[in-house]
PDB file of N, CA and C in Angstrom:
ATOM      1  N   UNK A   1     324.379 147.799  17.958  1.00  0.00           N
ATOM      2  CA  UNK A   1     324.767 147.232  19.220  1.00  0.00           C
ATOM      3  C   UNK A   1     323.990 147.879  20.374  1.00  0.00           C
ATOM      4  N   UNK A   2     323.714 149.152  20.278  1.00  0.00           N
ATOM      5  CA  UNK A   2     322.964 149.842  21.324  1.00  0.00           C
ATOM      6  C   UNK A   2     321.532 149.320  21.366  1.00  0.00           C
ATOM      7  N   UNK A   3     320.939 149.070  20.185  1.00  0.00           N
ATOM      8  CA  UNK A   3     319.574 148.537  20.157  1.00  0.00           C
ATOM      9  C   UNK A   3     319.517 147.156  20.797  1.00  0.00           C
ATOM     10  N   UNK A   4     320.537 146.347  20.554  1.00  0.00           N
ATOM     11  CA  UNK A   4     320.576 144.999  21.144  1.00  0.00           C
ATOM     12  C   UNK A   4     320.678 145.094  22.670  1.00  0.00           C
ATOM     13  N   UNK A   5     321.533 145.990  23.159  1.00  0.00           N
ATOM     14  CA  UNK A   5     321.663 146.190  24.597  1.00  0.00           C
ATOM     15  C   UNK A   5     320.347 146.687  25.193  1.00  0.00           C
ATOM     16  N   UNK A   6     319.691 147.607  24.519  1.00  0.00           N
ATOM     17  CA  UNK A   6     318.405 148.121  25.004  1.00  0.00           C
ATOM     18  C   UNK A   6     317.355 147.020  25.028  1.00  0.00           C
ATOM     19  N   UNK A   7     317.349 146.153  24.029  1.00  0.00           N
ATOM     20  CA  UNK A   7     316.384 145.053  23.988  1.00  0.00           C
ATOM     21  C   UNK A   7     316.645 144.064  25.123  1.00  0.00           C
ATOM     22  N   UNK A   8     317.908 143.753  25.369  1.00  0.00           N
ATOM     23  CA  UNK A   8     318.242 142.849  26.475  1.00  0.00           C
ATOM     24  C   UNK A   8     317.862 143.469  27.822  1.00  0.00           C
ATOM     25  N   UNK A   9     318.104 144.764  27.956  1.00  0.00           N
ATOM     26  CA  UNK A   9     317.755 145.467  29.193  1.00  0.00           C
ATOM     27  C   UNK A   9     316.243 145.442  29.398  1.00  0.00           C
ATOM     28  N   UNK A  10     315.493 145.675  28.353  1.00  0.00           N
ATOM     29  CA  UNK A  10     314.033 145.645  28.436  1.00  0.00           C
ATOM     30  C   UNK A  10     313.544 144.254  28.808  1.00  0.00           C
ATOM     31  N   UNK A  11     314.131 143.232  28.216  1.00  0.00           N
ATOM     32  CA  UNK A  11     313.756 141.853  28.544  1.00  0.00           C
ATOM     33  C   UNK A  11     314.025 141.550  30.013  1.00  0.00           C
ATOM     34  N   UNK A  12     315.174 141.995  30.512  1.00  0.00           N
ATOM     35  CA  UNK A  12     315.507 141.758  31.922  1.00  0.00           C
ATOM     36  C   UNK A  12     314.532 142.483  32.841  1.00  0.00           C
ATOM     37  N   UNK A  13     314.187 143.708  32.530  1.00  0.00           N
ATOM     38  CA  UNK A  13     313.241 144.464  33.359  1.00  0.00           C
ATOM     39  C   UNK A  13     311.851 143.842  33.333  1.00  0.00           C
ATOM     40  N   UNK A  14     311.430 143.346  32.185  1.00  0.00           N
ATOM     41  CA  UNK A  14     310.125 142.679  32.108  1.00  0.00           C
ATOM     42  C   UNK A  14     310.117 141.413  32.957  1.00  0.00           C
ATOM     43  N   UNK A  15     311.219 140.668  32.946  1.00  0.00           N
ATOM     44  CA  UNK A  15     311.305 139.458  33.771  1.00  0.00           C
ATOM     45  C   UNK A  15     311.238 139.818  35.252  1.00  0.00           C
ATOM     46  N   UNK A  16     311.918 140.880  35.650  1.00  0.00           N
ATOM     47  CA  UNK A  16     311.833 141.329  37.042  1.00  0.00           C
ATOM     48  C   UNK A  16     310.415 141.754  37.401  1.00  0.00           C
ATOM     49  N   UNK A  17     309.748 142.411  36.483  1.00  0.00           N
ATOM     50  CA  UNK A  17     308.365 142.825  36.719  1.00  0.00           C
ATOM     51  C   UNK A  17     307.441 141.638  36.924  1.00  0.00           C
ATOM     52  N   UNK A  18     307.669 140.565  36.184  1.00  0.00           N
ATOM     53  CA  UNK A  18     306.851 139.363  36.368  1.00  0.00           C
ATOM     54  C   UNK A  18     307.108 138.738  37.738  1.00  0.00           C
ATOM     55  N   UNK A  19     308.343 138.769  38.195  1.00  0.00           N
ATOM     56  CA  UNK A  19     308.673 138.201  39.501  1.00  0.00           C
ATOM     57  C   UNK A  19     308.023 138.972  40.644  1.00  0.00           C
ATOM     58  N   UNK A  20     307.832 140.254  40.483  1.00  0.00           N
ATOM     59  CA  UNK A  20     307.220 141.055  41.542  1.00  0.00           C
ATOM     60  C   UNK A  20     305.819 140.575  41.881  1.00  0.00           C
ATOM     61  N   UNK A  21     305.110 140.062  40.915  1.00  0.00           N
ATOM     62  CA  UNK A  21     303.756 139.586  41.156  1.00  0.00           C
ATOM     63  C   UNK A  21     303.680 138.153  41.648  1.00  0.00           C
ATOM     64  N   UNK A  22     304.807 137.460  41.707  1.00  0.00           N
ATOM     65  CA  UNK A  22     304.831 136.059  42.117  1.00  0.00           C
ATOM     66  C   UNK A  22     305.163 135.956  43.603  1.00  0.00           C
ATOM     67  N   UNK A  23     304.219 135.487  44.438  1.00  0.00           N
ATOM     68  CA  UNK A  23     304.499 135.412  45.877  1.00  0.00           C
ATOM     69  C   UNK A  23     305.590 134.403  46.231  1.00  0.00           C
ATOM     70  N   UNK A  24     305.873 133.459  45.346  1.00  0.00           N
ATOM     71  CA  UNK A  24     306.905 132.462  45.628  1.00  0.00           C
ATOM     72  C   UNK A  24     308.307 132.967  45.282  1.00  0.00           C
ATOM     73  N   UNK A  25     308.392 134.090  44.602  1.00  0.00           N
ATOM     74  CA  UNK A  25     309.696 134.617  44.199  1.00  0.00           C
ATOM     75  C   UNK A  25     310.339 135.384  45.349  1.00  0.00           C
ATOM     76  N   UNK A  26     311.621 135.233  45.464  1.00  0.00           N
ATOM     77  CA  UNK A  26     312.349 135.986  46.482  1.00  0.00           C
ATOM     78  C   UNK A  26     312.185 135.396  47.859  1.00  0.00           C
ATOM     79  N   UNK A  27     312.365 136.199  48.840  1.00  0.00           N
ATOM     80  CA  UNK A  27     312.279 135.765  50.220  1.00  0.00           C
ATOM     81  C   UNK A  27     313.365 136.436  51.031  1.00  0.00           C
ATOM     82  N   UNK A  28     313.446 136.067  52.279  1.00  0.00           N
ATOM     83  CA  UNK A  28     314.441 136.658  53.156  1.00  0.00           C
ATOM     84  C   UNK A  28     315.816 136.034  52.940  1.00  0.00           C
ATOM     85  N   UNK A  29     316.828 136.811  53.230  1.00  0.00           N
ATOM     86  CA  UNK A  29     318.212 136.346  53.200  1.00  0.00           C
ATOM     87  C   UNK A  29     318.861 136.694  54.538  1.00  0.00           C
ATOM     88  N   UNK A  30     320.014 136.122  54.849  1.00  0.00           N
ATOM     89  CA  UNK A  30     320.664 136.438  56.126  1.00  0.00           C
ATOM     90  C   UNK A  30     320.914 137.931  56.334  1.00  0.00           C
ATOM     91  N   UNK A  31     321.116 138.673  55.272  1.00  0.00           N
ATOM     92  CA  UNK A  31     321.332 140.112  55.390  1.00  0.00           C
ATOM     93  C   UNK A  31     320.111 140.877  55.870  1.00  0.00           C
ATOM     94  N   UNK A  32     318.936 140.258  55.790  1.00  0.00           N
ATOM     95  CA  UNK A  32     317.712 140.912  56.266  1.00  0.00           C
ATOM     96  C   UNK A  32     317.615 140.912  57.788  1.00  0.00           C
ATOM     97  N   UNK A  33     318.453 140.132  58.453  1.00  0.00           N
ATOM     98  CA  UNK A  33     318.391 139.996  59.911  1.00  0.00           C
ATOM     99  C   UNK A  33     319.776 140.265  60.507  1.00  0.00           C
ATOM    100  N   UNK A  34     320.190 141.534  60.560  1.00  0.00           N
ATOM    101  CA  UNK A  34     321.559 141.848  60.989  1.00  0.00           C
ATOM    102  C   UNK A  34     321.828 141.631  62.478  1.00  0.00           C
ATOM    103  N   UNK A  35     320.800 141.486  63.286  1.00  0.00           N
ATOM    104  CA  UNK A  35     321.004 141.357  64.731  1.00  0.00           C
ATOM    105  C   UNK A  35     321.294 139.930  65.179  1.00  0.00           C
ATOM    106  N   UNK A  36     321.096 138.954  64.292  1.00  0.00           N
ATOM    107  CA  UNK A  36     321.334 137.555  64.640  1.00  0.00           C
ATOM    108  C   UNK A  36     322.206 136.905  63.571  1.00  0.00           C
ATOM    109  N   UNK A  37     322.907 135.847  63.961  1.00  0.00           N
ATOM    110  CA  UNK A  37     323.686 135.072  62.999  1.00  0.00           C
ATOM    111  C   UNK A  37     322.837 133.883  62.569  1.00  0.00           C
ATOM    112  N   UNK A  38     322.385 133.915  61.338  1.00  0.00           N
ATOM    113  CA  UNK A  38     321.511 132.870  60.812  1.00  0.00           C
ATOM    114  C   UNK A  38     321.907 132.621  59.364  1.00  0.00           C
ATOM    115  N   UNK A  39     321.836 131.353  58.933  1.00  0.00           N
ATOM    116  CA  UNK A  39     322.161 131.057  57.545  1.00  0.00           C
ATOM    117  C   UNK A  39     320.876 130.785  56.760  1.00  0.00           C
ATOM    118  N   UNK A  40     321.022 130.668  55.455  1.00  0.00           N
ATOM    119  CA  UNK A  40     319.849 130.541  54.591  1.00  0.00           C
ATOM    120  C   UNK A  40     319.008 129.305  54.893  1.00  0.00           C
ATOM    121  N   UNK A  41     319.608 128.121  55.134  1.00  0.00           N
ATOM    122  CA  UNK A  41     318.761 126.963  55.469  1.00  0.00           C
ATOM    123  C   UNK A  41     317.932 127.172  56.738  1.00  0.00           C
ATOM    124  N   UNK A  42     318.503 127.874  57.726  1.00  0.00           N
ATOM    125  CA  UNK A  42     317.736 128.152  58.950  1.00  0.00           C
ATOM    126  C   UNK A  42     316.566 129.088  58.661  1.00  0.00           C
ATOM    127  N   UNK A  43     316.801 130.095  57.840  1.00  0.00           N
ATOM    128  CA  UNK A  43     315.722 131.017  57.469  1.00  0.00           C
ATOM    129  C   UNK A  43     314.633 130.264  56.725  1.00  0.00           C
ATOM    130  N   UNK A  44     315.021 129.417  55.788  1.00  0.00           N
ATOM    131  CA  UNK A  44     314.036 128.648  55.026  1.00  0.00           C
ATOM    132  C   UNK A  44     313.215 127.744  55.939  1.00  0.00           C
ATOM    133  N   UNK A  45     313.875 127.119  56.924  1.00  0.00           N
ATOM    134  CA  UNK A  45     313.155 126.244  57.858  1.00  0.00           C
ATOM    135  C   UNK A  45     312.180 127.044  58.715  1.00  0.00           C
ATOM    136  N   UNK A  46     312.594 128.220  59.170  1.00  0.00           N
ATOM    137  CA  UNK A  46     311.698 129.060  59.971  1.00  0.00           C
ATOM    138  C   UNK A  46     310.509 129.543  59.146  1.00  0.00           C
ATOM    139  N   UNK A  47     310.764 129.950  57.900  1.00  0.00           N
ATOM    140  CA  UNK A  47     309.678 130.439  57.051  1.00  0.00           C
ATOM    141  C   UNK A  47     308.717 129.325  56.661  1.00  0.00           C
ATOM    142  N   UNK A  48     309.184 128.083  56.676  1.00  0.00           N
ATOM    143  CA  UNK A  48     308.288 126.961  56.387  1.00  0.00           C
ATOM    144  C   UNK A  48     307.285 126.775  57.521  1.00  0.00           C
ATOM    145  N   UNK A  49     307.659 127.200  58.733  1.00  0.00           N
ATOM    146  CA  UNK A  49     306.774 127.065  59.894  1.00  0.00           C
ATOM    147  C   UNK A  49     305.808 128.236  60.013  1.00  0.00           C
ATOM    148  N   UNK A  50     306.287 129.457  59.703  1.00  0.00           N
ATOM    149  CA  UNK A  50     305.452 130.656  59.833  1.00  0.00           C
ATOM    150  C   UNK A  50     306.124 131.798  59.075  1.00  0.00           C
ATOM    151  N   UNK A  51     305.334 132.753  58.599  1.00  0.00           N
ATOM    152  CA  UNK A  51     305.941 133.905  57.914  1.00  0.00           C
ATOM    153  C   UNK A  51     306.818 134.711  58.883  1.00  0.00           C
ATOM    154  N   UNK A  52     307.946 135.178  58.390  1.00  0.00           N
ATOM    155  CA  UNK A  52     308.863 135.950  59.229  1.00  0.00           C
ATOM    156  C   UNK A  52     308.665 137.441  59.012  1.00  0.00           C
ATOM    157  N   UNK A  53     308.681 138.190  60.099  1.00  0.00           N
ATOM    158  CA  UNK A  53     308.711 139.642  60.019  1.00  0.00           C
ATOM    159  C   UNK A  53     310.097 140.137  60.419  1.00  0.00           C
ATOM    160  N   UNK A  54     310.663 139.522  61.463  1.00  0.00           N
ATOM    161  CA  UNK A  54     311.984 139.906  61.938  1.00  0.00           C
ATOM    162  C   UNK A  54     312.536 138.797  62.822  1.00  0.00           C
ATOM    163  N   UNK A  55     313.828 138.752  62.973  1.00  0.00           N
ATOM    164  CA  UNK A  55     314.486 137.834  63.901  1.00  0.00           C
ATOM    165  C   UNK A  55     315.313 138.675  64.858  1.00  0.00           C
ATOM    166  N   UNK A  56     315.129 138.432  66.143  1.00  0.00           N
ATOM    167  CA  UNK A  56     315.825 139.203  67.164  1.00  0.00           C
ATOM    168  C   UNK A  56     316.614 138.271  68.069  1.00  0.00           C
ATOM    169  N   UNK A  57     317.703 138.759  68.656  1.00  0.00           N
ATOM    170  CA  UNK A  57     318.448 137.924  69.599  1.00  0.00           C
ATOM    171  C   UNK A  57     317.655 137.739  70.888  1.00  0.00           C
ATOM    172  N   UNK A  58     318.025 136.710  71.647  1.00  0.00           N
ATOM    173  CA  UNK A  58     317.370 136.467  72.928  1.00  0.00           C
ATOM    174  C   UNK A  58     317.700 137.592  73.902  1.00  0.00           C
ATOM    175  N   UNK A  59     316.735 137.915  74.749  1.00  0.00           N
ATOM    176  CA  UNK A  59     317.005 138.853  75.837  1.00  0.00           C
ATOM    177  C   UNK A  59     317.874 138.126  76.867  1.00  0.00           C
ATOM    178  N   UNK A  60     318.500 138.841  77.792  1.00  0.00           N
ATOM    179  CA  UNK A  60     319.311 138.158  78.809  1.00  0.00           C
ATOM    180  C   UNK A  60     318.517 137.114  79.603  1.00  0.00           C
ATOM    181  N   UNK A  61     317.274 137.416  79.952  1.00  0.00           N
ATOM    182  CA  UNK A  61     316.468 136.438  80.687  1.00  0.00           C
ATOM    183  C   UNK A  61     316.201 135.206  79.829  1.00  0.00           C
ATOM    184  N   UNK A  62     315.848 135.408  78.571  1.00  0.00           N
ATOM    185  CA  UNK A  62     315.597 134.278  77.681  1.00  0.00           C
ATOM    186  C   UNK A  62     316.855 133.434  77.496  1.00  0.00           C
ATOM    187  N   UNK A  63     317.999 134.089  77.352  1.00  0.00           N
ATOM    188  CA  UNK A  63     319.257 133.352  77.190  1.00  0.00           C
ATOM    189  C   UNK A  63     319.551 132.519  78.429  1.00  0.00           C
ATOM    190  N   UNK A  64     319.285 133.081  79.610  1.00  0.00           N
ATOM    191  CA  UNK A  64     319.498 132.328  80.843  1.00  0.00           C
ATOM    192  C   UNK A  64     318.575 131.136  80.954  1.00  0.00           C
ATOM    193  N   UNK A  65     317.315 131.324  80.616  1.00  0.00           N
ATOM    194  CA  UNK A  65     316.362 130.211  80.662  1.00  0.00           C
ATOM    195  C   UNK A  65     316.765 129.118  79.678  1.00  0.00           C
ATOM    196  N   UNK A  66     317.172 129.523  78.494  1.00  0.00           N
ATOM    197  CA  UNK A  66     317.596 128.550  77.488  1.00  0.00           C
ATOM    198  C   UNK A  66     318.830 127.787  77.971  1.00  0.00           C
ATOM    199  N   UNK A  67     319.779 128.501  78.557  1.00  0.00           N
ATOM    200  CA  UNK A  67     320.988 127.867  79.079  1.00  0.00           C
ATOM    201  C   UNK A  67     320.647 126.844  80.158  1.00  0.00           C
ATOM    202  N   UNK A  68     319.744 127.193  81.048  1.00  0.00           N
ATOM    203  CA  UNK A  68     319.413 126.310  82.163  1.00  0.00           C
ATOM    204  C   UNK A  68     318.623 125.079  81.736  1.00  0.00           C
ATOM    205  N   UNK A  69     317.997 125.106  80.572  1.00  0.00           N
ATOM    206  CA  UNK A  69     317.288 123.911  80.109  1.00  0.00           C
ATOM    207  C   UNK A  69     318.260 122.769  79.852  1.00  0.00           C
ATOM    208  N   UNK A  70     319.518 123.072  79.611  1.00  0.00           N
ATOM    209  CA  UNK A  70     320.515 122.031  79.383  1.00  0.00           C
ATOM    210  C   UNK A  70     320.838 121.229  80.624  1.00  0.00           C
ATOM    211  N   UNK A  71     320.557 121.765  81.797  1.00  0.00           N
ATOM    212  CA  UNK A  71     320.844 121.037  83.031  1.00  0.00           C
ATOM    213  C   UNK A  71     319.817 119.951  83.307  1.00  0.00           C
ATOM    214  N   UNK A  72     318.627 120.095  82.785  1.00  0.00           N
ATOM    215  CA  UNK A  72     317.586 119.106  83.048  1.00  0.00           C
ATOM    216  C   UNK A  72     317.073 118.487  81.775  1.00  0.00           C
ATOM    217  N   UNK A  73     317.975 118.115  80.874  1.00  0.00           N
ATOM    218  CA  UNK A  73     317.567 117.576  79.576  1.00  0.00           C
ATOM    219  C   UNK A  73     316.773 116.288  79.714  1.00  0.00           C
ATOM    220  N   UNK A  74     317.061 115.503  80.737  1.00  0.00           N
ATOM    221  CA  UNK A  74     316.352 114.242  80.944  1.00  0.00           C
ATOM    222  C   UNK A  74     315.069 114.441  81.757  1.00  0.00           C
ATOM    223  N   UNK A  75     314.858 115.639  82.224  1.00  0.00           N
ATOM    224  CA  UNK A  75     313.688 115.880  83.062  1.00  0.00           C
ATOM    225  C   UNK A  75     313.950 115.592  84.526  1.00  0.00           C
ATOM    226  N   UNK A  76     315.171 115.144  84.850  1.00  0.00           N
ATOM    227  CA  UNK A  76     315.480 114.805  86.233  1.00  0.00           C
ATOM    228  C   UNK A  76     316.379 115.842  86.907  1.00  0.00           C
ATOM    229  N   UNK A  77     316.793 116.871  86.170  1.00  0.00           N
ATOM    230  CA  UNK A  77     317.648 117.902  86.748  1.00  0.00           C
ATOM    231  C   UNK A  77     316.834 118.916  87.532  1.00  0.00           C
ATOM    232  N   UNK A  78     317.520 119.736  88.304  1.00  0.00           N
ATOM    233  CA  UNK A  78     316.811 120.736  89.104  1.00  0.00           C
ATOM    234  C   UNK A  78     316.224 121.827  88.215  1.00  0.00           C
ATOM    235  N   UNK A  79     315.056 122.264  88.552  1.00  0.00           N
ATOM    236  CA  UNK A  79     314.415 123.374  87.854  1.00  0.00           C
ATOM    237  C   UNK A  79     314.499 124.575  88.783  1.00  0.00           C
ATOM    238  N   UNK A  80     315.415 125.476  88.485  1.00  0.00           N
ATOM    239  CA  UNK A  80     315.665 126.585  89.402  1.00  0.00           C
ATOM    240  C   UNK A  80     314.561 127.635  89.366  1.00  0.00           C
ATOM    241  N   UNK A  81     313.638 127.532  88.432  1.00  0.00           N
ATOM    242  CA  UNK A  81     312.560 128.509  88.344  1.00  0.00           C
ATOM    243  C   UNK A  81     311.255 127.990  88.933  1.00  0.00           C
ATOM    244  N   UNK A  82     311.260 126.791  89.484  1.00  0.00           N
ATOM    245  CA  UNK A  82     310.074 126.243  90.127  1.00  0.00           C
ATOM    246  C   UNK A  82     310.409 125.988  91.593  1.00  0.00           C
ATOM    247  N   UNK A  83     309.598 126.521  92.463  1.00  0.00           N
ATOM    248  CA  UNK A  83     309.809 126.277  93.889  1.00  0.00           C
ATOM    249  C   UNK A  83     308.586 125.581  94.460  1.00  0.00           C
ATOM    250  N   UNK A  84     308.820 124.869  95.508  1.00  0.00           N
ATOM    251  CA  UNK A  84     307.722 124.177  96.181  1.00  0.00           C
ATOM    252  C   UNK A  84     307.799 124.545  97.656  1.00  0.00           C
ATOM    253  N   UNK A  85     306.688 125.006  98.164  1.00  0.00           N
ATOM    254  CA  UNK A  85     306.649 125.341  99.589  1.00  0.00           C
ATOM    255  C   UNK A  85     305.690 124.409 100.292  1.00  0.00           C
ATOM    256  N   UNK A  86     305.998 124.146 101.533  1.00  0.00           N
ATOM    257  CA  UNK A  86     305.177 123.233 102.324  1.00  0.00           C
ATOM    258  C   UNK A  86     304.548 124.007 103.450  1.00  0.00           C
TER     259      UNK A  86
END
């Protein structure tokens, strides 16, 4: 029984070793990005666009800019960051 367990363990380790050389194996999971709330489909969609190194939350300025884009969704709302002088 010990030999059988050792053989199964060796088989599992060899399979893991083969996966290490495969660039398509593995990938990021939500636990890799503790500073943001993101699920696996979102990570997969982001990685399809570009390789990920890290995901960070928006800075306060970025969050404010993002929030204010909702006021001018049609392009006809006021843009508080653009001024015009005469």
